[in-house]
N, C-alpha and C. Protein backbone atom coordinates (compact mmCIF):
# COMPACT_ATOMS: atom_id res chain seq x y z
N MET A 1 157.11 -55.21 174.34
CA MET A 1 157.15 -55.23 175.79
C MET A 1 157.99 -54.06 176.28
N ALA A 2 157.39 -53.17 177.05
CA ALA A 2 158.08 -51.99 177.54
C ALA A 2 158.85 -52.32 178.81
N LEU A 3 160.05 -51.79 178.90
CA LEU A 3 160.88 -51.97 180.08
C LEU A 3 160.57 -50.84 181.05
N LYS A 4 160.20 -51.19 182.28
CA LYS A 4 159.88 -50.19 183.30
C LYS A 4 161.04 -50.14 184.29
N LEU A 5 161.64 -48.99 184.39
CA LEU A 5 162.78 -48.80 185.30
C LEU A 5 162.26 -48.37 186.66
N ASN A 6 162.65 -49.07 187.70
CA ASN A 6 162.26 -48.72 189.06
C ASN A 6 163.33 -47.77 189.61
N TRP A 7 163.03 -46.48 189.58
CA TRP A 7 163.99 -45.47 190.00
C TRP A 7 164.32 -45.55 191.48
N ASP A 8 163.36 -45.99 192.30
CA ASP A 8 163.66 -46.15 193.72
C ASP A 8 164.66 -47.27 193.94
N ALA A 9 164.49 -48.38 193.22
CA ALA A 9 165.45 -49.48 193.33
C ALA A 9 166.83 -49.03 192.86
N LEU A 10 166.87 -48.24 191.80
CA LEU A 10 168.14 -47.72 191.30
C LEU A 10 168.77 -46.77 192.33
N GLY A 11 167.94 -45.95 192.97
CA GLY A 11 168.44 -45.04 194.02
C GLY A 11 168.99 -45.79 195.21
N ILE A 12 168.27 -46.83 195.62
CA ILE A 12 168.75 -47.67 196.73
C ILE A 12 170.05 -48.34 196.33
N GLY A 13 170.11 -48.84 195.11
CA GLY A 13 171.32 -49.51 194.62
C GLY A 13 172.53 -48.59 194.61
N THR A 14 172.35 -47.35 194.15
CA THR A 14 173.48 -46.42 194.13
C THR A 14 173.90 -46.03 195.54
N SER A 15 172.93 -45.93 196.46
CA SER A 15 173.27 -45.62 197.86
C SER A 15 174.08 -46.75 198.48
N VAL A 16 173.66 -47.98 198.21
CA VAL A 16 174.39 -49.14 198.72
C VAL A 16 175.78 -49.21 198.08
N ALA A 17 175.86 -48.95 196.78
CA ALA A 17 177.17 -48.95 196.10
C ALA A 17 178.10 -47.91 196.72
N CYS A 18 177.55 -46.75 197.03
CA CYS A 18 178.34 -45.69 197.66
C CYS A 18 178.84 -46.16 199.03
N ALA A 19 177.96 -46.79 199.81
CA ALA A 19 178.36 -47.27 201.13
C ALA A 19 179.44 -48.35 201.02
N ILE A 20 179.28 -49.24 200.06
CA ILE A 20 180.29 -50.29 199.86
C ILE A 20 181.62 -49.66 199.45
N HIS A 21 181.54 -48.69 198.54
CA HIS A 21 182.75 -47.98 198.10
C HIS A 21 183.49 -47.39 199.30
N CYS A 22 182.74 -46.72 200.17
CA CYS A 22 183.37 -46.06 201.32
C CYS A 22 183.85 -47.05 202.38
N ALA A 23 183.21 -48.22 202.46
CA ALA A 23 183.59 -49.20 203.48
C ALA A 23 184.68 -50.15 203.01
N VAL A 24 184.60 -50.61 201.78
CA VAL A 24 185.50 -51.65 201.29
C VAL A 24 186.79 -51.08 200.70
N LEU A 25 186.70 -49.98 200.01
CA LEU A 25 187.89 -49.46 199.35
C LEU A 25 189.02 -49.10 200.29
N PRO A 26 188.76 -48.56 201.48
CA PRO A 26 189.90 -48.32 202.37
C PRO A 26 190.66 -49.60 202.73
N ILE A 27 189.93 -50.73 202.78
CA ILE A 27 190.58 -52.01 203.06
C ILE A 27 191.52 -52.38 201.91
N MET A 28 191.11 -52.05 200.71
CA MET A 28 191.89 -52.38 199.52
C MET A 28 192.90 -51.28 199.18
N ALA A 29 192.98 -50.26 199.99
CA ALA A 29 193.81 -49.09 199.69
C ALA A 29 195.26 -49.42 199.41
N THR A 30 195.78 -50.41 200.08
CA THR A 30 197.20 -50.71 199.90
C THR A 30 197.50 -51.37 198.56
N SER A 31 196.50 -52.04 197.96
CA SER A 31 196.77 -52.71 196.69
C SER A 31 196.37 -51.90 195.47
N LEU A 32 195.41 -51.02 195.59
CA LEU A 32 194.95 -50.26 194.42
C LEU A 32 196.04 -49.39 193.78
N PRO A 33 196.84 -48.67 194.57
CA PRO A 33 197.88 -47.84 193.94
C PRO A 33 198.89 -48.66 193.12
N VAL A 34 199.09 -49.91 193.48
CA VAL A 34 199.99 -50.78 192.71
C VAL A 34 199.49 -50.89 191.27
N PHE A 35 198.18 -50.86 191.10
CA PHE A 35 197.59 -50.96 189.76
C PHE A 35 197.33 -49.58 189.14
N GLY A 36 197.77 -48.53 189.80
CA GLY A 36 197.59 -47.18 189.28
C GLY A 36 196.19 -46.63 189.48
N VAL A 37 195.46 -47.21 190.41
CA VAL A 37 194.08 -46.78 190.66
C VAL A 37 194.02 -46.02 191.98
N ASN A 38 193.44 -44.83 191.93
CA ASN A 38 193.26 -44.06 193.16
C ASN A 38 191.87 -43.43 193.15
N ILE A 39 190.90 -44.16 193.73
CA ILE A 39 189.55 -43.61 193.83
C ILE A 39 189.14 -43.40 195.28
N ILE A 40 190.09 -43.60 196.18
CA ILE A 40 189.82 -43.33 197.59
C ILE A 40 190.13 -41.86 197.83
N HIS A 41 189.14 -41.15 198.30
CA HIS A 41 189.24 -39.71 198.53
C HIS A 41 189.67 -38.96 197.27
N ASN A 42 189.29 -39.49 196.13
CA ASN A 42 189.49 -38.81 194.86
C ASN A 42 188.30 -37.87 194.68
N ALA A 43 188.55 -36.58 194.71
CA ALA A 43 187.46 -35.58 194.72
C ALA A 43 186.55 -35.72 193.50
N VAL A 44 187.12 -35.95 192.33
CA VAL A 44 186.31 -36.06 191.12
C VAL A 44 185.38 -37.28 191.22
N PHE A 45 185.93 -38.41 191.65
CA PHE A 45 185.11 -39.62 191.79
C PHE A 45 184.03 -39.42 192.85
N GLU A 46 184.42 -38.89 194.02
CA GLU A 46 183.47 -38.68 195.12
C GLU A 46 182.32 -37.77 194.70
N TRP A 47 182.64 -36.62 194.12
CA TRP A 47 181.60 -35.68 193.71
C TRP A 47 180.78 -36.24 192.55
N GLY A 48 181.40 -37.05 191.72
CA GLY A 48 180.65 -37.71 190.64
C GLY A 48 179.61 -38.69 191.18
N MET A 49 180.00 -39.46 192.20
CA MET A 49 179.06 -40.39 192.84
C MET A 49 177.93 -39.62 193.52
N ILE A 50 178.29 -38.53 194.17
CA ILE A 50 177.27 -37.71 194.84
C ILE A 50 176.32 -37.12 193.82
N ALA A 51 176.84 -36.62 192.71
CA ALA A 51 175.99 -36.05 191.66
C ALA A 51 175.06 -37.11 191.08
N MET A 52 175.58 -38.32 190.86
CA MET A 52 174.75 -39.39 190.32
C MET A 52 173.64 -39.76 191.31
N ALA A 53 173.98 -39.87 192.59
CA ALA A 53 172.97 -40.18 193.60
C ALA A 53 171.91 -39.08 193.65
N PHE A 54 172.34 -37.84 193.53
CA PHE A 54 171.39 -36.73 193.55
C PHE A 54 170.47 -36.76 192.33
N ALA A 55 171.03 -36.98 191.16
CA ALA A 55 170.23 -37.00 189.93
C ALA A 55 169.19 -38.12 189.96
N ILE A 56 169.62 -39.32 190.31
CA ILE A 56 168.70 -40.47 190.35
C ILE A 56 167.65 -40.27 191.44
N GLY A 57 168.10 -39.88 192.62
CA GLY A 57 167.17 -39.69 193.73
C GLY A 57 166.17 -38.59 193.48
N SER A 58 166.64 -37.47 192.97
CA SER A 58 165.75 -36.35 192.69
C SER A 58 164.69 -36.73 191.66
N TYR A 59 165.12 -37.38 190.59
CA TYR A 59 164.16 -37.78 189.57
C TYR A 59 163.12 -38.74 190.14
N SER A 60 163.59 -39.74 190.85
CA SER A 60 162.69 -40.75 191.42
C SER A 60 161.67 -40.13 192.35
N LEU A 61 162.13 -39.32 193.27
CA LEU A 61 161.24 -38.74 194.27
C LEU A 61 160.32 -37.69 193.66
N TYR A 62 160.83 -36.90 192.73
CA TYR A 62 160.00 -35.90 192.06
C TYR A 62 158.89 -36.61 191.27
N HIS A 63 159.27 -37.64 190.54
CA HIS A 63 158.29 -38.40 189.75
C HIS A 63 157.22 -39.00 190.66
N GLY A 64 157.62 -39.62 191.75
CA GLY A 64 156.66 -40.20 192.68
C GLY A 64 155.74 -39.15 193.27
N HIS A 65 156.32 -38.01 193.64
CA HIS A 65 155.52 -36.94 194.24
C HIS A 65 154.52 -36.36 193.24
N ILE A 66 154.97 -36.00 192.07
CA ILE A 66 154.11 -35.34 191.07
C ILE A 66 153.08 -36.28 190.48
N LYS A 67 153.51 -37.48 190.11
CA LYS A 67 152.63 -38.38 189.37
C LYS A 67 151.76 -39.27 190.24
N HIS A 68 152.14 -39.48 191.52
CA HIS A 68 151.46 -40.55 192.23
C HIS A 68 150.94 -40.24 193.63
N HIS A 69 151.74 -39.66 194.50
CA HIS A 69 151.28 -39.62 195.90
C HIS A 69 151.23 -38.24 196.55
N ARG A 70 151.90 -37.26 196.05
CA ARG A 70 151.89 -35.88 196.57
C ARG A 70 152.41 -35.72 198.00
N SER A 71 153.14 -36.69 198.50
CA SER A 71 153.71 -36.59 199.84
C SER A 71 155.12 -35.97 199.76
N PHE A 72 155.35 -34.96 200.61
CA PHE A 72 156.68 -34.34 200.65
C PHE A 72 157.64 -35.08 201.58
N LEU A 73 157.13 -36.03 202.37
CA LEU A 73 157.98 -36.69 203.35
C LEU A 73 159.18 -37.43 202.72
N PRO A 74 159.01 -38.21 201.62
CA PRO A 74 160.20 -38.83 201.03
C PRO A 74 161.23 -37.80 200.56
N ILE A 75 160.76 -36.68 200.03
CA ILE A 75 161.66 -35.62 199.57
C ILE A 75 162.40 -35.01 200.76
N ALA A 76 161.70 -34.80 201.86
CA ALA A 76 162.34 -34.23 203.06
C ALA A 76 163.38 -35.18 203.63
N ILE A 77 163.05 -36.47 203.71
CA ILE A 77 164.01 -37.47 204.23
C ILE A 77 165.23 -37.53 203.32
N PHE A 78 165.02 -37.55 202.01
CA PHE A 78 166.11 -37.57 201.04
C PHE A 78 166.99 -36.33 201.18
N THR A 79 166.37 -35.17 201.30
CA THR A 79 167.12 -33.91 201.40
C THR A 79 168.01 -33.91 202.64
N ILE A 80 167.47 -34.32 203.77
CA ILE A 80 168.27 -34.37 205.01
C ILE A 80 169.42 -35.37 204.85
N GLY A 81 169.11 -36.55 204.30
CA GLY A 81 170.15 -37.55 204.06
C GLY A 81 171.22 -37.03 203.12
N PHE A 82 170.78 -36.32 202.09
CA PHE A 82 171.73 -35.79 201.12
C PHE A 82 172.61 -34.71 201.74
N LEU A 83 172.04 -33.92 202.64
CA LEU A 83 172.85 -32.92 203.34
C LEU A 83 173.95 -33.59 204.17
N PHE A 84 173.63 -34.72 204.80
CA PHE A 84 174.66 -35.48 205.53
C PHE A 84 175.73 -36.00 204.57
N LEU A 85 175.32 -36.41 203.37
CA LEU A 85 176.26 -36.90 202.37
C LEU A 85 177.23 -35.79 201.95
N ILE A 86 176.71 -34.59 201.76
CA ILE A 86 177.56 -33.44 201.42
C ILE A 86 178.46 -33.08 202.60
N LEU A 87 177.88 -33.08 203.79
CA LEU A 87 178.62 -32.72 204.99
C LEU A 87 179.82 -33.64 205.22
N LYS A 88 179.67 -34.91 204.89
CA LYS A 88 180.78 -35.85 205.09
C LYS A 88 181.99 -35.48 204.24
N GLN A 89 181.77 -34.79 203.14
CA GLN A 89 182.87 -34.36 202.28
C GLN A 89 183.74 -33.30 202.96
N PHE A 90 183.13 -32.55 203.87
CA PHE A 90 183.83 -31.44 204.50
C PHE A 90 184.28 -31.73 205.94
N LEU A 91 183.83 -32.87 206.48
CA LEU A 91 184.20 -33.24 207.85
C LEU A 91 184.78 -34.65 207.87
N PRO A 92 186.00 -34.81 207.37
CA PRO A 92 186.57 -36.16 207.24
C PRO A 92 186.78 -36.88 208.57
N THR A 93 186.87 -36.15 209.66
CA THR A 93 187.09 -36.82 210.95
C THR A 93 185.85 -37.58 211.42
N ILE A 94 184.68 -37.22 210.94
CA ILE A 94 183.44 -37.94 211.29
C ILE A 94 182.72 -38.42 210.02
N GLU A 95 183.52 -38.72 209.00
CA GLU A 95 182.99 -39.14 207.71
C GLU A 95 182.13 -40.40 207.81
N VAL A 96 182.56 -41.40 208.53
CA VAL A 96 181.83 -42.67 208.58
C VAL A 96 180.46 -42.52 209.23
N PRO A 97 180.35 -41.89 210.41
CA PRO A 97 179.00 -41.74 210.98
C PRO A 97 178.07 -40.91 210.07
N LEU A 98 178.62 -39.86 209.47
CA LEU A 98 177.80 -39.04 208.57
C LEU A 98 177.35 -39.86 207.36
N LEU A 99 178.24 -40.69 206.84
CA LEU A 99 177.90 -41.54 205.70
C LEU A 99 176.81 -42.54 206.07
N ILE A 100 176.92 -43.15 207.23
CA ILE A 100 175.92 -44.13 207.67
C ILE A 100 174.55 -43.47 207.77
N ILE A 101 174.50 -42.29 208.39
CA ILE A 101 173.24 -41.57 208.51
C ILE A 101 172.70 -41.22 207.12
N ALA A 102 173.58 -40.71 206.26
CA ALA A 102 173.16 -40.31 204.91
C ALA A 102 172.58 -41.49 204.13
N VAL A 103 173.29 -42.60 204.11
CA VAL A 103 172.84 -43.76 203.35
C VAL A 103 171.52 -44.30 203.90
N LEU A 104 171.41 -44.40 205.21
CA LEU A 104 170.17 -44.89 205.81
C LEU A 104 168.99 -43.98 205.48
N MET A 105 169.20 -42.68 205.51
CA MET A 105 168.11 -41.75 205.21
C MET A 105 167.75 -41.77 203.73
N ILE A 106 168.74 -41.82 202.86
CA ILE A 106 168.46 -41.85 201.42
C ILE A 106 167.73 -43.14 201.04
N ILE A 107 168.19 -44.26 201.57
CA ILE A 107 167.51 -45.53 201.30
C ILE A 107 166.09 -45.49 201.87
N SER A 108 165.92 -44.93 203.06
CA SER A 108 164.58 -44.82 203.65
C SER A 108 163.66 -43.97 202.80
N ALA A 109 164.19 -42.88 202.26
CA ALA A 109 163.38 -42.01 201.40
C ALA A 109 162.91 -42.76 200.16
N HIS A 110 163.82 -43.51 199.54
CA HIS A 110 163.45 -44.30 198.35
C HIS A 110 162.44 -45.39 198.70
N TYR A 111 162.66 -46.05 199.81
CA TYR A 111 161.74 -47.12 200.22
C TYR A 111 160.35 -46.55 200.51
N TYR A 112 160.32 -45.44 201.23
CA TYR A 112 159.03 -44.82 201.55
C TYR A 112 158.33 -44.33 200.28
N ASN A 113 159.09 -43.75 199.36
CA ASN A 113 158.53 -43.32 198.07
C ASN A 113 157.96 -44.52 197.32
N TYR A 114 158.70 -45.61 197.31
CA TYR A 114 158.24 -46.84 196.66
C TYR A 114 156.93 -47.32 197.28
N ARG A 115 156.88 -47.33 198.61
CA ARG A 115 155.66 -47.79 199.31
C ARG A 115 154.46 -46.89 198.97
N LEU A 116 154.68 -45.59 198.97
CA LEU A 116 153.59 -44.66 198.63
C LEU A 116 153.13 -44.87 197.19
N CYS A 117 154.08 -45.06 196.29
CA CYS A 117 153.73 -45.32 194.88
C CYS A 117 152.97 -46.64 194.76
N HIS A 118 153.44 -47.64 195.48
CA HIS A 118 152.79 -48.95 195.41
C HIS A 118 151.34 -48.85 195.89
N ARG A 119 151.12 -48.09 196.94
CA ARG A 119 149.75 -47.89 197.44
C ARG A 119 148.86 -47.20 196.41
N SER A 120 149.48 -46.34 195.60
CA SER A 120 148.69 -45.63 194.59
C SER A 120 148.63 -46.41 193.27
N LYS A 121 149.14 -47.64 193.31
CA LYS A 121 149.12 -48.56 192.16
C LYS A 121 150.05 -48.15 191.03
N CYS A 122 150.97 -47.21 191.27
CA CYS A 122 151.86 -46.79 190.19
C CYS A 122 152.95 -47.80 189.91
N SER A 123 153.15 -48.75 190.82
CA SER A 123 154.19 -49.74 190.59
C SER A 123 153.73 -50.87 189.71
N SER A 124 152.45 -50.85 189.33
CA SER A 124 151.94 -51.89 188.44
C SER A 124 152.58 -51.77 187.08
N PRO A 125 153.08 -52.88 186.51
CA PRO A 125 153.69 -52.78 185.19
C PRO A 125 152.68 -52.44 184.10
N HIS A 126 151.39 -52.51 184.41
CA HIS A 126 150.37 -52.23 183.42
C HIS A 126 149.88 -50.79 183.47
N HIS A 127 150.38 -50.04 184.45
CA HIS A 127 149.97 -48.65 184.60
C HIS A 127 150.82 -47.77 183.69
N SER A 128 150.21 -46.96 182.88
CA SER A 128 150.98 -46.11 181.99
C SER A 128 151.42 -44.85 182.72
N HIS A 129 152.58 -44.35 182.35
CA HIS A 129 153.13 -43.13 182.98
C HIS A 129 153.02 -42.02 182.02
């Protein structure tokens, strides 16, 4: 039995995890340093999460585009969302609105890619890749 990984679901999951990280961790900021943990505004952690989101998203959308639907729209939506994600790193005074826009666009790109793939029957577990 072959395991089929849904890259769009993984992309959505990492986007949601990123949003939770940015929303919840500031609330926990006062207790984390007590345990020696500092991942709030930690540049290595932040850029690592961004790199992971980019790698997963790029693979998912490229695969969907090349193998199944040939639509550039999910890639365009993802790219714009990803630019907002990068921009938030350089504009901390408006980080939250930029993050919200970025996450919504990235999730939308994955969802739209999934829908296009589903229409082309590529989401069937019996379809070979």
